[in-house]
Amino acid sequence: MKLFIGLFFKGFSFLISLLPRFVHDRMGDLIGLLWFDVLRIRRRVAIENVGIAFPDMSLEERTSLARASLCHMGRTIVEFALLPFLTKEKIARYFVFENFEIADAVLKPGKGALMLTLHLGNGDFTTAAMSQMGYPMSLISKEIKARWLNDLWFGMRKKHGTQFISAEKSSFEILRALKRNRLVIFVLDQFMGPPVGVRTRFFGKETGTAAGLALIAVRTGVPVLPCYTYRRADGVHVARFEEPILLDDRLNEQNITVLTQAYTDKLEAIVRRHPEQWMWIHRRWKEFRE
């Protein structure tokens, strides 16, 4: 079964790689429309979430934004098939990189960096590209329960040099990755309740956010680099670093929540720039129960 799935994916990937970018985009849009308007999977969740973030929008505007988000997710699915054929020579065809000198400067002392990011654009595609460019990437991620899908999903990205850290056993591996001067990626835009999460506000509404990034930042003093990716209208991906979020002298383990809120505020600002490309189907605003 595993061999069959692998051969099928390779054949499918090869066919996708032969098609021009605008065809990839239309295929992704079709997947998004099927998901949102036909299967209607989490359609109401997406529309309600947009309403929480942008209460002044009409129902028609909320629906349009939620639909656009699913179309971008569809494009991400299609682009996953391009990973086997993503080489260093092809990166310039798909990507534009902004402010990467910030990451270079932070990594220069050899103590690694903590990377703050979110489900916007196609982060997996960008991570693979950065790995190809020589950036040592370590991504904290949960495993997928379906073994065949887990092997396909992670195996394809590992081939580009990305290393993965299990979310369940992460602390030691994170510290080891930092000692090896790696970029450790925290995807911090999903709900997380106690005891791992702390109470925060996102778009003005209470939610829970994982506190692990703040704890590691306080423990190590390593800078936190916001980084995100988004698609331009022509289909090219823009990968952008922003100035590091440094520790305030007053911050310590007693106010980890303050630091986690600062990270959450940064992610909110990024979503506001490209709301049509964020993953609105996630139940971000669950009740935080201590």
C-alpha atoms as a PDB file:
ATOM      1  CA  MET A   1       0.000   0.000   0.000  1.00  0.00           C
ATOM      2  CA  LYS A   2       2.774   2.409   0.989  1.00  0.00           C
ATOM      3  CA  LEU A   3       4.693   1.621  -2.209  1.00  0.00           C
ATOM      4  CA  PHE A   4       1.589   2.153  -4.342  1.00  0.00           C
ATOM      5  CA  ILE A   5       0.847   5.521  -2.704  1.00  0.00           C
ATOM      6  CA  GLY A   6       4.461   6.598  -3.211  1.00  0.00           C
ATOM      7  CA  LEU A   7       4.455   5.666  -6.896  1.00  0.00           C
ATOM      8  CA  PHE A   8       1.086   7.321  -7.465  1.00  0.00           C
ATOM      9  CA  PHE A   9       2.244  10.544  -5.806  1.00  0.00           C
ATOM     10  CA  LYS A  10       5.460  10.633  -7.832  1.00  0.00           C
ATOM     11  CA  GLY A  11       3.510  10.174 -11.069  1.00  0.00           C
ATOM     12  CA  PHE A  12       0.979  12.820 -10.084  1.00  0.00           C
ATOM     13  CA  SER A  13       3.764  15.210  -9.052  1.00  0.00           C
ATOM     14  CA  PHE A  14       5.511  14.756 -12.374  1.00  0.00           C
ATOM     15  CA  LEU A  15       2.332  15.615 -14.294  1.00  0.00           C
ATOM     16  CA  ILE A  16       1.723  18.698 -12.120  1.00  0.00           C
ATOM     17  CA  SER A  17       5.315  19.866 -12.638  1.00  0.00           C
ATOM     18  CA  LEU A  18       4.738  19.938 -16.408  1.00  0.00           C
ATOM     19  CA  LEU A  19       1.838  22.379 -16.124  1.00  0.00           C
ATOM     20  CA  PRO A  20       2.236  26.188 -16.057  1.00  0.00           C
ATOM     21  CA  ARG A  21       1.668  28.152 -12.846  1.00  0.00           C
ATOM     22  CA  PHE A  22      -1.692  29.593 -13.849  1.00  0.00           C
ATOM     23  CA  VAL A  23      -3.017  26.044 -14.273  1.00  0.00           C
ATOM     24  CA  HIS A  24      -1.789  25.182 -10.775  1.00  0.00           C
ATOM     25  CA  ASP A  25      -3.640  28.217  -9.457  1.00  0.00           C
ATOM     26  CA  ARG A  26      -6.883  27.314 -11.230  1.00  0.00           C
ATOM     27  CA  MET A  27      -6.661  23.738  -9.957  1.00  0.00           C
ATOM     28  CA  GLY A  28      -6.187  25.054  -6.424  1.00  0.00           C
ATOM     29  CA  ASP A  29      -9.128  27.431  -6.789  1.00  0.00           C
ATOM     30  CA  LEU A  30     -11.290  24.533  -7.951  1.00  0.00           C
ATOM     31  CA  ILE A  31     -10.305  22.513  -4.866  1.00  0.00           C
ATOM     32  CA  GLY A  32     -11.170  25.495  -2.673  1.00  0.00           C
ATOM     33  CA  LEU A  33     -14.564  26.041  -4.295  1.00  0.00           C
ATOM     34  CA  LEU A  34     -15.376  22.340  -4.024  1.00  0.00           C
ATOM     35  CA  TRP A  35     -14.403  22.393  -0.357  1.00  0.00           C
ATOM     36  CA  PHE A  36     -16.264  25.606   0.509  1.00  0.00           C
ATOM     37  CA  ASP A  37     -19.337  25.620  -1.733  1.00  0.00           C
ATOM     38  CA  VAL A  38     -20.003  21.936  -2.460  1.00  0.00           C
ATOM     39  CA  LEU A  39     -18.700  19.876   0.459  1.00  0.00           C
ATOM     40  CA  ARG A  40     -19.085  22.896   2.790  1.00  0.00           C
ATOM     41  CA  ILE A  41     -16.520  21.511   5.255  1.00  0.00           C
ATOM     42  CA  ARG A  42     -16.208  24.014   8.123  1.00  0.00           C
ATOM     43  CA  ARG A  43     -17.783  26.672   5.937  1.00  0.00           C
ATOM     44  CA  ARG A  44     -19.743  28.119   8.848  1.00  0.00           C
ATOM     45  CA  VAL A  45     -16.666  28.061  11.108  1.00  0.00           C
ATOM     46  CA  ALA A  46     -14.663  30.058   8.547  1.00  0.00           C
ATOM     47  CA  ILE A  47     -17.409  32.647   8.045  1.00  0.00           C
ATOM     48  CA  GLU A  48     -17.952  33.034  11.795  1.00  0.00           C
ATOM     49  CA  ASN A  49     -14.217  33.443  12.388  1.00  0.00           C
ATOM     50  CA  VAL A  50     -13.989  36.174   9.775  1.00  0.00           C
ATOM     51  CA  GLY A  51     -16.896  37.879  11.548  1.00  0.00           C
ATOM     52  CA  ILE A  52     -15.041  37.787  14.872  1.00  0.00           C
ATOM     53  CA  ALA A  53     -11.957  39.386  13.337  1.00  0.00           C
ATOM     54  CA  PHE A  54     -13.827  41.869  11.112  1.00  0.00           C
ATOM     55  CA  PRO A  55     -17.200  42.585  12.753  1.00  0.00           C
ATOM     56  CA  ASP A  56     -17.926  45.511  10.421  1.00  0.00           C
ATOM     57  CA  MET A  57     -17.959  43.256   7.344  1.00  0.00           C
ATOM     58  CA  SER A  58     -21.274  42.271   5.798  1.00  0.00           C
ATOM     59  CA  LEU A  59     -22.181  38.584   5.568  1.00  0.00           C
ATOM     60  CA  GLU A  60     -21.435  38.716   1.845  1.00  0.00           C
ATOM     61  CA  GLU A  61     -17.954  40.152   2.486  1.00  0.00           C
ATOM     62  CA  ARG A  62     -17.237  37.574   5.193  1.00  0.00           C
ATOM     63  CA  THR A  63     -18.300  34.751   2.903  1.00  0.00           C
ATOM     64  CA  SER A  64     -16.170  36.078   0.054  1.00  0.00           C
ATOM     65  CA  LEU A  65     -13.088  36.343   2.281  1.00  0.00           C
ATOM     66  CA  ALA A  66     -13.606  32.849   3.717  1.00  0.00           C
ATOM     67  CA  ARG A  67     -14.000  31.429   0.199  1.00  0.00           C
ATOM     68  CA  ALA A  68     -10.796  33.147  -0.951  1.00  0.00           C
ATOM     69  CA  SER A  69      -8.965  31.600   2.009  1.00  0.00           C
ATOM     70  CA  LEU A  70     -10.066  28.108   0.964  1.00  0.00           C
ATOM     71  CA  CYS A  71      -8.954  28.769  -2.610  1.00  0.00           C
ATOM     72  CA  HIS A  72      -5.496  29.681  -1.321  1.00  0.00           C
ATOM     73  CA  MET A  73      -5.472  26.468   0.712  1.00  0.00           C
ATOM     74  CA  GLY A  74      -6.373  24.614  -2.479  1.00  0.00           C
ATOM     75  CA  ARG A  75      -3.366  26.182  -4.191  1.00  0.00           C
ATOM     76  CA  THR A  76      -1.205  25.039  -1.281  1.00  0.00           C
ATOM     77  CA  ILE A  77      -2.404  21.468  -1.772  1.00  0.00           C
ATOM     78  CA  VAL A  78      -1.499  21.571  -5.471  1.00  0.00           C
ATOM     79  CA  GLU A  79       1.905  23.096  -4.711  1.00  0.00           C
ATOM     80  CA  PHE A  80       2.743  20.237  -2.369  1.00  0.00           C
ATOM     81  CA  ALA A  81       2.954  18.084  -5.502  1.00  0.00           C
ATOM     82  CA  LEU A  82       5.763  20.358  -6.733  1.00  0.00           C
ATOM     83  CA  LEU A  83       8.043  19.583  -3.778  1.00  0.00           C
ATOM     84  CA  PRO A  84       9.795  16.583  -5.412  1.00  0.00           C
ATOM     85  CA  PHE A  85      10.905  18.873  -8.236  1.00  0.00           C
ATOM     86  CA  LEU A  86      11.874  21.923  -6.185  1.00  0.00           C
ATOM     87  CA  THR A  87      15.611  22.433  -6.646  1.00  0.00           C
ATOM     88  CA  LYS A  88      17.893  25.298  -5.733  1.00  0.00           C
ATOM     89  CA  GLU A  89      18.029  26.280  -9.401  1.00  0.00           C
ATOM     90  CA  LYS A  90      14.221  26.593  -9.572  1.00  0.00           C
ATOM     91  CA  ILE A  91      13.733  28.622  -6.401  1.00  0.00           C
ATOM     92  CA  ALA A  92      14.000  31.984  -8.188  1.00  0.00           C
ATOM     93  CA  ARG A  93      11.045  30.949 -10.351  1.00  0.00           C
ATOM     94  CA  TYR A  94       8.746  30.609  -7.351  1.00  0.00           C
ATOM     95  CA  PHE A  95      10.075  32.943  -4.645  1.00  0.00           C
ATOM     96  CA  VAL A  96      11.065  36.473  -3.728  1.00  0.00           C
ATOM     97  CA  PHE A  97      12.927  36.888  -0.428  1.00  0.00           C
ATOM     98  CA  GLU A  98      12.723  40.033   1.693  1.00  0.00           C
ATOM     99  CA  ASN A  99      14.866  41.065   4.687  1.00  0.00           C
ATOM    100  CA  PHE A 100      16.788  37.793   4.862  1.00  0.00           C
ATOM    101  CA  GLU A 101      19.788  39.812   6.015  1.00  0.00           C
ATOM    102  CA  ILE A 102      17.965  40.010   9.369  1.00  0.00           C
ATOM    103  CA  ALA A 103      18.106  36.215   9.732  1.00  0.00           C
ATOM    104  CA  ASP A 104      21.738  36.154   8.584  1.00  0.00           C
ATOM    105  CA  ALA A 105      22.694  38.682  11.260  1.00  0.00           C
ATOM    106  CA  VAL A 106      20.859  36.821  14.028  1.00  0.00           C
ATOM    107  CA  LEU A 107      22.417  33.467  13.067  1.00  0.00           C
ATOM    108  CA  LYS A 108      25.947  34.895  12.799  1.00  0.00           C
ATOM    109  CA  PRO A 109      26.837  34.511  16.525  1.00  0.00           C
ATOM    110  CA  GLY A 110      26.094  30.782  16.221  1.00  0.00           C
ATOM    111  CA  LYS A 111      23.362  30.562  18.870  1.00  0.00           C
ATOM    112  CA  GLY A 112      20.482  29.843  16.505  1.00  0.00           C
ATOM    113  CA  ALA A 113      17.174  31.682  16.277  1.00  0.00           C
ATOM    114  CA  LEU A 114      13.527  31.161  17.164  1.00  0.00           C
ATOM    115  CA  MET A 115      11.192  31.771  14.240  1.00  0.00           C
ATOM    116  CA  LEU A 116       7.624  32.948  14.815  1.00  0.00           C
ATOM    117  CA  THR A 117       5.200  32.165  12.008  1.00  0.00           C
ATOM    118  CA  LEU A 118       1.619  31.184  11.135  1.00  0.00           C
ATOM    119  CA  HIS A 119      -0.620  29.344   8.669  1.00  0.00           C
ATOM    120  CA  LEU A 120      -0.587  31.996   5.952  1.00  0.00           C
ATOM    121  CA  GLY A 121       0.449  31.536   2.331  1.00  0.00           C
ATOM    122  CA  ASN A 122       2.398  28.311   1.839  1.00  0.00           C
ATOM    123  CA  GLY A 123       4.817  27.933   4.727  1.00  0.00           C
ATOM    124  CA  ASP A 124       5.780  24.358   3.839  1.00  0.00           C
ATOM    125  CA  PHE A 125       6.825  25.336   0.319  1.00  0.00           C
ATOM    126  CA  THR A 126       8.843  28.234   1.719  1.00  0.00           C
ATOM    127  CA  THR A 127      10.496  26.099   4.396  1.00  0.00           C
ATOM    128  CA  ALA A 128      11.607  23.636   1.712  1.00  0.00           C
ATOM    129  CA  ALA A 129      13.024  26.490  -0.352  1.00  0.00           C
ATOM    130  CA  MET A 130      14.914  27.939   2.615  1.00  0.00           C
ATOM    131  CA  SER A 131      16.338  24.510   3.391  1.00  0.00           C
ATOM    132  CA  GLN A 132      17.510  24.242  -0.218  1.00  0.00           C
ATOM    133  CA  MET A 133      19.187  27.637   0.151  1.00  0.00           C
ATOM    134  CA  GLY A 134      21.225  26.364   3.078  1.00  0.00           C
ATOM    135  CA  TYR A 135      19.234  27.706   6.023  1.00  0.00           C
ATOM    136  CA  PRO A 136      19.166  25.021   8.773  1.00  0.00           C
ATOM    137  CA  MET A 137      15.426  24.654   9.462  1.00  0.00           C
ATOM    138  CA  SER A 138      13.861  22.761  12.382  1.00  0.00           C
ATOM    139  CA  LEU A 139      10.060  22.736  12.483  1.00  0.00           C
ATOM    140  CA  ILE A 140       8.034  21.858  15.575  1.00  0.00           C
ATOM    141  CA  SER A 141       5.056  19.809  14.431  1.00  0.00           C
ATOM    142  CA  LYS A 142       2.567  17.186  15.539  1.00  0.00           C
ATOM    143  CA  GLU A 143       2.561  13.894  13.710  1.00  0.00           C
ATOM    144  CA  ILE A 144      -0.416  12.784  11.605  1.00  0.00           C
ATOM    145  CA  LYS A 145      -2.298   9.766  12.953  1.00  0.00           C
ATOM    146  CA  ALA A 146      -2.606   8.094   9.542  1.00  0.00           C
ATOM    147  CA  ARG A 147       0.864   6.563   9.154  1.00  0.00           C
ATOM    148  CA  TRP A 148       0.888   6.501   5.336  1.00  0.00           C
ATOM    149  CA  LEU A 149      -0.056  10.187   5.198  1.00  0.00           C
ATOM    150  CA  ASN A 150       2.432  11.062   7.939  1.00  0.00           C
ATOM    151  CA  ASP A 151       5.260   9.320   6.055  1.00  0.00           C
ATOM    152  CA  LEU A 152       4.328  11.064   2.804  1.00  0.00           C
ATOM    153  CA  TRP A 153       3.846  14.500   4.372  1.00  0.00           C
ATOM    154  CA  PHE A 154       7.009  14.564   6.459  1.00  0.00           C
ATOM    155  CA  GLY A 155       9.161  12.395   4.210  1.00  0.00           C
ATOM    156  CA  MET A 156       8.786  14.721   1.255  1.00  0.00           C
ATOM    157  CA  ARG A 157       9.858  17.755   3.278  1.00  0.00           C
ATOM    158  CA  LYS A 158      12.741  15.973   5.001  1.00  0.00           C
ATOM    159  CA  LYS A 159      14.273  15.302   1.578  1.00  0.00           C
ATOM    160  CA  HIS A 160      14.876  19.043   1.244  1.00  0.00           C
ATOM    161  CA  GLY A 161      16.795  19.161   4.533  1.00  0.00           C
ATOM    162  CA  THR A 162      14.082  20.297   6.933  1.00  0.00           C
ATOM    163  CA  GLN A 163      14.287  18.598  10.320  1.00  0.00           C
ATOM    164  CA  PHE A 164      11.228  18.009  12.485  1.00  0.00           C
ATOM    165  CA  ILE A 165      10.814  18.229  16.243  1.00  0.00           C
ATOM    166  CA  SER A 166       7.908  16.419  17.850  1.00  0.00           C
ATOM    167  CA  ALA A 167       5.574  18.816  19.644  1.00  0.00           C
ATOM    168  CA  GLU A 168       5.164  16.268  22.446  1.00  0.00           C
ATOM    169  CA  LYS A 169       8.901  16.011  23.254  1.00  0.00           C
ATOM    170  CA  SER A 170      10.247  19.321  22.098  1.00  0.00           C
ATOM    171  CA  SER A 171      12.213  21.124  24.849  1.00  0.00           C
ATOM    172  CA  PHE A 172      15.466  19.135  24.693  1.00  0.00           C
ATOM    173  CA  GLU A 173      15.402  18.937  20.893  1.00  0.00           C
ATOM    174  CA  ILE A 174      14.803  22.692  20.607  1.00  0.00           C
ATOM    175  CA  LEU A 175      17.784  23.479  22.816  1.00  0.00           C
ATOM    176  CA  ARG A 176      19.947  21.048  20.866  1.00  0.00           C
ATOM    177  CA  ALA A 177      18.857  22.619  17.552  1.00  0.00           C
ATOM    178  CA  LEU A 178      19.729  26.097  18.834  1.00  0.00           C
ATOM    179  CA  LYS A 179      23.192  24.919  19.879  1.00  0.00           C
ATOM    180  CA  ARG A 180      23.628  23.715  16.286  1.00  0.00           C
ATOM    181  CA  ASN A 181      22.727  27.252  15.078  1.00  0.00           C
ATOM    182  CA  ARG A 182      19.423  26.228  13.510  1.00  0.00           C
ATOM    183  CA  LEU A 183      16.254  28.217  12.876  1.00  0.00           C
ATOM    184  CA  VAL A 184      13.588  26.637  15.095  1.00  0.00           C
ATOM    185  CA  ILE A 185      10.092  27.296  13.726  1.00  0.00           C
ATOM    186  CA  PHE A 186       7.119  27.898  16.040  1.00  0.00           C
ATOM    187  CA  VAL A 187       3.714  28.023  14.312  1.00  0.00           C
ATOM    188  CA  LEU A 188       1.787  29.991  16.930  1.00  0.00           C
ATOM    189  CA  ASP A 189      -1.589  30.887  15.427  1.00  0.00           C
ATOM    190  CA  GLN A 190      -3.643  27.902  16.629  1.00  0.00           C
ATOM    191  CA  PHE A 191      -5.666  27.544  19.818  1.00  0.00           C
ATOM    192  CA  MET A 192      -3.916  25.975  22.781  1.00  0.00           C
ATOM    193  CA  GLY A 193      -5.553  25.529  26.176  1.00  0.00           C
ATOM    194  CA  PRO A 194      -3.974  24.937  29.578  1.00  0.00           C
ATOM    195  CA  PRO A 195      -1.580  23.774  30.831  1.00  0.00           C
ATOM    196  CA  VAL A 196       0.463  24.315  27.653  1.00  0.00           C
ATOM    197  CA  GLY A 197      -1.381  27.466  26.604  1.00  0.00           C
ATOM    198  CA  VAL A 198      -1.944  30.821  28.287  1.00  0.00           C
ATOM    199  CA  ARG A 199      -4.837  33.248  28.059  1.00  0.00           C
ATOM    200  CA  THR A 200      -4.396  35.791  25.228  1.00  0.00           C
ATOM    201  CA  ARG A 201      -6.478  37.987  22.953  1.00  0.00           C
ATOM    202  CA  PHE A 202      -6.531  37.679  19.166  1.00  0.00           C
ATOM    203  CA  PHE A 203      -8.428  40.290  17.156  1.00  0.00           C
ATOM    204  CA  GLY A 204      -9.810  41.513  20.478  1.00  0.00           C
ATOM    205  CA  LYS A 205     -11.391  38.206  21.521  1.00  0.00           C
ATOM    206  CA  GLU A 206     -10.088  35.950  24.279  1.00  0.00           C
ATOM    207  CA  THR A 207      -8.419  32.703  23.266  1.00  0.00           C
ATOM    208  CA  GLY A 208      -5.490  30.495  24.261  1.00  0.00           C
ATOM    209  CA  THR A 209      -1.996  30.450  22.758  1.00  0.00           C
ATOM    210  CA  ALA A 210       0.915  28.068  23.330  1.00  0.00           C
ATOM    211  CA  ALA A 211       3.464  29.532  25.754  1.00  0.00           C
ATOM    212  CA  GLY A 212       6.401  27.378  24.656  1.00  0.00           C
ATOM    213  CA  LEU A 213       8.033  30.006  22.465  1.00  0.00           C
ATOM    214  CA  ALA A 214       8.041  32.580  25.267  1.00  0.00           C
ATOM    215  CA  LEU A 215       9.437  30.052  27.743  1.00  0.00           C
ATOM    216  CA  ILE A 216      12.295  29.094  25.434  1.00  0.00           C
ATOM    217  CA  ALA A 217      13.014  32.725  24.583  1.00  0.00           C
ATOM    218  CA  VAL A 218      13.250  33.663  28.274  1.00  0.00           C
ATOM    219  CA  ARG A 219      15.333  30.597  29.097  1.00  0.00           C
ATOM    220  CA  THR A 220      17.864  31.051  26.279  1.00  0.00           C
ATOM    221  CA  GLY A 221      17.763  34.758  25.442  1.00  0.00           C
ATOM    222  CA  VAL A 222      17.699  33.794  21.755  1.00  0.00           C
ATOM    223  CA  PRO A 223      15.976  36.372  19.482  1.00  0.00           C
ATOM    224  CA  VAL A 224      12.520  35.649  18.080  1.00  0.00           C
ATOM    225  CA  LEU A 225      12.246  36.360  14.343  1.00  0.00           C
ATOM    226  CA  PRO A 226       8.782  36.922  12.829  1.00  0.00           C
ATOM    227  CA  CYS A 227       8.660  35.388   9.361  1.00  0.00           C
ATOM    228  CA  TYR A 228       5.778  34.773   6.984  1.00  0.00           C
ATOM    229  CA  THR A 229       5.022  34.053   3.366  1.00  0.00           C
ATOM    230  CA  TYR A 230       2.237  35.149   1.054  1.00  0.00           C
ATOM    231  CA  ARG A 231       1.315  34.794  -2.626  1.00  0.00           C
ATOM    232  CA  ARG A 232       1.418  37.742  -4.952  1.00  0.00           C
ATOM    233  CA  ALA A 233      -1.228  38.126  -7.656  1.00  0.00           C
ATOM    234  CA  ASP A 234       1.170  36.584 -10.183  1.00  0.00           C
ATOM    235  CA  GLY A 235       1.529  33.427  -8.057  1.00  0.00           C
ATOM    236  CA  VAL A 236       5.052  34.175  -6.830  1.00  0.00           C
ATOM    237  CA  HIS A 237       5.643  33.563  -3.106  1.00  0.00           C
ATOM    238  CA  VAL A 238       7.100  36.372  -1.011  1.00  0.00           C
ATOM    239  CA  ALA A 239       9.005  35.152   2.057  1.00  0.00           C
ATOM    240  CA  ARG A 240       9.644  37.969   4.521  1.00  0.00           C
ATOM    241  CA  PHE A 241      11.540  38.324   7.795  1.00  0.00           C
ATOM    242  CA  GLU A 242      10.798  41.182  10.184  1.00  0.00           C
ATOM    243  CA  GLU A 243      12.862  42.706  12.972  1.00  0.00           C
ATOM    244  CA  PRO A 244      13.369  40.379  15.958  1.00  0.00           C
ATOM    245  CA  ILE A 245      11.163  40.641  19.014  1.00  0.00           C
ATOM    246  CA  LEU A 246      13.699  41.090  21.802  1.00  0.00           C
ATOM    247  CA  LEU A 247      13.201  40.404  25.488  1.00  0.00           C
ATOM    248  CA  ASP A 248      12.364  43.344  27.676  1.00  0.00           C
ATOM    249  CA  ASP A 249      14.497  43.453  30.848  1.00  0.00           C
ATOM    250  CA  ARG A 250      11.276  43.286  32.867  1.00  0.00           C
ATOM    251  CA  LEU A 251      10.108  40.064  31.235  1.00  0.00           C
ATOM    252  CA  ASN A 252      10.631  36.829  33.108  1.00  0.00           C
ATOM    253  CA  GLU A 253       8.888  33.545  33.713  1.00  0.00           C
ATOM    254  CA  GLN A 254       6.265  35.295  35.859  1.00  0.00           C
ATOM    255  CA  ASN A 255       4.893  37.224  32.867  1.00  0.00           C
ATOM    256  CA  ILE A 256       5.248  34.713  30.050  1.00  0.00           C
ATOM    257  CA  THR A 257       1.687  35.663  29.148  1.00  0.00           C
ATOM    258  CA  VAL A 258       2.820  39.213  28.313  1.00  0.00           C
ATOM    259  CA  LEU A 259       5.423  37.932  25.891  1.00  0.00           C
ATOM    260  CA  THR A 260       3.034  35.410  24.329  1.00  0.00           C
ATOM    261  CA  GLN A 261       0.557  38.230  23.812  1.00  0.00           C
ATOM    262  CA  ALA A 262       3.260  40.242  22.035  1.00  0.00           C
ATOM    263  CA  TYR A 263       3.789  37.340  19.634  1.00  0.00           C
ATOM    264  CA  THR A 264       0.042  37.010  19.126  1.00  0.00           C
ATOM    265  CA  ASP A 265      -0.235  40.732  18.360  1.00  0.00           C
ATOM    266  CA  LYS A 266       2.480  40.382  15.725  1.00  0.00           C
ATOM    267  CA  LEU A 267       0.637  37.504  14.061  1.00  0.00           C
ATOM    268  CA  GLU A 268      -2.614  39.480  14.102  1.00  0.00           C
ATOM    269  CA  ALA A 269      -0.886  42.357  12.326  1.00  0.00           C
ATOM    270  CA  ILE A 270       0.353  39.938   9.646  1.00  0.00           C
ATOM    271  CA  VAL A 271      -3.112  38.422   9.148  1.00  0.00           C
ATOM    272  CA  ARG A 272      -4.571  41.913   8.725  1.00  0.00           C
ATOM    273  CA  ARG A 273      -2.200  42.502   5.790  1.00  0.00           C
ATOM    274  CA  HIS A 274      -3.230  39.316   3.957  1.00  0.00           C
ATOM    275  CA  PRO A 275      -6.498  38.069   5.499  1.00  0.00           C
ATOM    276  CA  GLU A 276      -7.520  36.159   2.356  1.00  0.00           C
ATOM    277  CA  GLN A 277      -4.509  33.860   2.796  1.00  0.00           C
ATOM    278  CA  TRP A 278      -4.918  32.891   6.469  1.00  0.00           C
ATOM    279  CA  MET A 279      -6.462  29.584   7.585  1.00  0.00           C
ATOM    280  CA  TRP A 280      -9.887  30.735   8.806  1.00  0.00           C
ATOM    281  CA  ILE A 281     -11.272  27.191   9.105  1.00  0.00           C
ATOM    282  CA  HIS A 282      -9.332  26.580  12.335  1.00  0.00           C
ATOM    283  CA  ARG A 283     -11.388  26.985  15.540  1.00  0.00           C
ATOM    284  CA  ARG A 284      -9.080  29.668  16.922  1.00  0.00           C
ATOM    285  CA  TRP A 285     -11.455  31.077  19.526  1.00  0.00           C
ATOM    286  CA  LYS A 286     -12.340  28.077  21.670  1.00  0.00           C
ATOM    287  CA  GLU A 287     -13.213  28.751  25.301  1.00  0.00           C
ATOM    288  CA  PHE A 288     -10.118  28.908  27.501  1.00  0.00           C
ATOM    289  CA  ARG A 289     -10.865  26.841  30.599  1.00  0.00           C
ATOM    290  CA  GLU A 290      -8.351  26.663  33.440  1.00  0.00           C
END
